[in-house]
Amino acid sequence: MNDNLIIRQATIQDLNKIVPIFDSYREYFNQQRNPMKVENFLFERFEHLESVIFIVEREGEVIGFAQLYPVFSSLSLQRVWLLNDFFITEAYRQQGVGKQLFAKVKEFSTLTKSKGIELSVEHINQKAWEFWEKLGFKLDEEFRYYYFKI
């Protein structure tokens, strides 16, 4: 099934193909579907070059995506990529698609000479922990992360 996969960096021309899966991703995290707001949000990311999006296509349909945002480490004087969004359509999970998508993200991170890739996972999402740990991610035991809601 993975023979027909194309994994590549998305461009603004892909916007209409990405909106449905991005909306599904948000719905997965209990957000209301809103294709118009999703389209505006993604358009702004493309327009202002604020993120990098990789997509997985099968027969012209986007079945997965990863969105990275650049952050910077003042101490190491290097870029870090924040893997903020990562989603595979349910019908294609457990088939190696996520692993292949992450390989592309990792390659990009290496080519852009970043310090590494950072992500967060919900405390209740054990499947996600296991997935990321199998790919080599380690739970940060050096820093405690906090969040201040506005």
Protein backbone atom coordinates (compact mmCIF):
# COMPACT_ATOMS: atom_id res chain seq x y z
CA MET A 1 0.00 0.00 0.00
CA ASN A 2 2.93 2.38 0.62
CA ASP A 3 4.22 1.91 -2.94
CA ASN A 4 2.10 4.74 -4.30
CA LEU A 5 3.03 7.32 -1.65
CA ILE A 6 4.52 10.67 -2.51
CA ILE A 7 5.98 12.60 0.41
CA ARG A 8 7.02 16.14 -0.34
CA GLN A 9 7.12 19.69 0.93
CA ALA A 10 3.82 21.45 0.29
CA THR A 11 3.48 24.74 -1.53
CA ILE A 12 0.73 27.32 -1.52
CA GLN A 13 -0.66 25.58 -4.62
CA ASP A 14 -1.51 22.62 -2.35
CA LEU A 15 -3.67 24.72 -0.03
CA ASN A 16 -7.03 23.30 -1.22
CA LYS A 17 -5.71 19.73 -0.88
CA ILE A 18 -4.49 20.34 2.69
CA VAL A 19 -7.57 22.06 4.14
CA PRO A 20 -9.74 18.90 4.49
CA ILE A 21 -7.11 16.83 6.29
CA PHE A 22 -6.06 19.76 8.48
CA ASP A 23 -9.70 20.24 9.47
CA SER A 24 -9.93 16.50 10.26
CA TYR A 25 -6.79 16.82 12.39
CA ARG A 26 -8.37 19.64 14.38
CA GLU A 27 -11.57 17.64 14.77
CA TYR A 28 -9.50 14.72 16.13
CA PHE A 29 -8.45 17.10 18.91
CA ASN A 30 -12.06 18.09 19.64
CA GLN A 31 -12.12 21.31 17.64
CA GLN A 32 -15.13 22.22 15.52
CA ARG A 33 -14.68 21.85 11.79
CA ASN A 34 -14.20 25.18 10.07
CA PRO A 35 -12.70 24.86 6.58
CA MET A 36 -12.79 28.60 5.93
CA LYS A 37 -10.77 29.45 9.05
CA VAL A 38 -8.41 26.56 8.35
CA GLU A 39 -7.82 27.84 4.83
CA ASN A 40 -7.13 31.37 6.11
CA PHE A 41 -4.78 30.06 8.80
CA LEU A 42 -2.79 27.92 6.38
CA PHE A 43 -2.74 30.65 3.74
CA GLU A 44 -1.12 33.02 6.24
CA ARG A 45 1.53 30.41 7.13
CA PHE A 46 2.40 30.05 3.44
CA GLU A 47 2.12 33.77 2.65
CA HIS A 48 4.45 34.81 5.46
CA LEU A 49 6.76 31.77 5.18
CA GLU A 50 6.07 31.00 8.84
CA SER A 51 6.01 27.22 8.66
CA VAL A 52 7.09 24.26 6.57
CA ILE A 53 4.49 21.65 5.71
CA PHE A 54 5.18 18.18 4.37
CA ILE A 55 2.35 16.16 2.87
CA VAL A 56 1.83 12.49 2.10
CA GLU A 57 -0.17 11.88 -1.06
CA ARG A 58 -1.65 8.68 -2.37
CA GLU A 59 -3.34 8.81 -5.77
CA GLY A 60 -3.64 12.61 -5.52
CA GLU A 61 -5.25 12.58 -2.07
CA VAL A 62 -3.44 14.02 0.95
CA ILE A 63 -3.48 11.30 3.62
CA GLY A 64 -1.00 12.82 6.06
CA PHE A 65 0.91 15.95 6.91
CA ALA A 66 3.49 17.41 9.24
CA GLN A 67 3.86 21.10 10.04
CA LEU A 68 7.09 22.53 11.41
CA TYR A 69 7.71 25.95 12.92
CA PRO A 70 11.19 27.38 13.43
CA VAL A 71 12.27 28.31 16.94
CA PHE A 72 15.73 29.37 17.97
CA SER A 73 18.06 28.49 20.79
CA SER A 74 19.95 31.51 22.05
CA LEU A 75 22.30 29.33 24.07
CA SER A 76 23.36 27.04 21.22
CA LEU A 77 22.86 29.71 18.54
CA GLN A 78 20.94 27.23 16.39
CA ARG A 79 17.50 26.69 14.93
CA VAL A 80 15.21 24.02 16.37
CA TRP A 81 12.21 22.77 14.42
CA LEU A 82 9.00 22.53 16.41
CA LEU A 83 6.97 19.65 15.01
CA ASN A 84 3.67 21.19 15.99
CA ASP A 85 1.27 19.16 13.85
CA PHE A 86 1.54 15.57 12.65
CA PHE A 87 -1.41 13.59 11.36
CA ILE A 88 -2.11 10.48 9.32
CA THR A 89 -5.64 9.66 8.16
CA GLU A 90 -6.97 6.81 10.28
CA ALA A 91 -7.25 4.35 7.36
CA TYR A 92 -3.47 4.63 6.81
CA ARG A 93 -2.24 4.35 10.39
CA GLN A 94 -0.15 1.38 11.55
CA GLN A 95 1.20 0.93 8.01
CA GLY A 96 4.50 2.81 8.22
CA VAL A 97 3.17 6.04 6.68
CA GLY A 98 3.95 8.10 9.78
CA LYS A 99 7.44 6.66 9.95
CA GLN A 100 8.06 7.60 6.31
CA LEU A 101 6.69 11.09 6.85
CA PHE A 102 8.91 11.59 9.88
CA ALA A 103 11.93 10.41 7.86
CA LYS A 104 11.29 13.33 5.47
CA VAL A 105 10.96 15.75 8.42
CA LYS A 106 14.21 14.42 9.88
CA GLU A 107 16.00 14.76 6.53
CA PHE A 108 14.79 18.37 6.23
CA SER A 109 15.93 19.13 9.77
CA THR A 110 19.37 17.73 8.99
CA LEU A 111 19.66 19.61 5.69
CA THR A 112 18.73 22.90 7.38
CA LYS A 113 21.46 22.30 10.00
CA SER A 114 19.08 22.50 12.92
CA LYS A 115 19.92 21.49 16.45
CA GLY A 116 16.99 19.08 16.48
CA ILE A 117 13.25 18.55 16.46
CA GLU A 118 10.97 19.29 19.38
CA LEU A 119 7.39 18.14 19.91
CA SER A 120 4.82 17.71 22.61
CA VAL A 121 2.26 14.96 23.14
CA GLU A 122 -0.86 14.93 25.30
CA HIS A 123 -0.32 13.10 28.57
CA ILE A 124 -3.18 10.74 27.75
CA ASN A 125 -1.97 9.83 24.23
CA GLN A 126 0.14 6.77 24.99
CA LYS A 127 0.09 5.54 21.37
CA ALA A 128 1.77 8.80 20.34
CA TRP A 129 4.44 8.50 23.07
CA GLU A 130 5.24 4.99 21.93
CA PHE A 131 5.41 6.07 18.27
CA TRP A 132 7.79 8.96 18.94
CA GLU A 133 9.95 6.98 21.36
CA LYS A 134 10.35 4.21 18.76
CA LEU A 135 11.65 6.88 16.38
CA GLY A 136 14.29 7.97 18.89
CA PHE A 137 12.65 10.85 20.76
CA LYS A 138 13.47 11.11 24.44
CA LEU A 139 11.36 12.60 27.19
CA ASP A 140 13.04 15.83 28.26
CA GLU A 141 14.32 15.38 31.79
CA GLU A 142 16.48 18.52 31.76
CA PHE A 143 13.80 21.17 31.36
CA ARG A 144 10.30 21.52 32.74
CA TYR A 145 7.97 23.13 30.22
CA TYR A 146 5.24 25.50 31.34
CA TYR A 147 2.38 27.17 29.56
CA PHE A 148 0.68 30.48 30.34
CA LYS A 149 -2.76 30.78 28.79
CA ILE A 150 -3.89 34.23 27.63
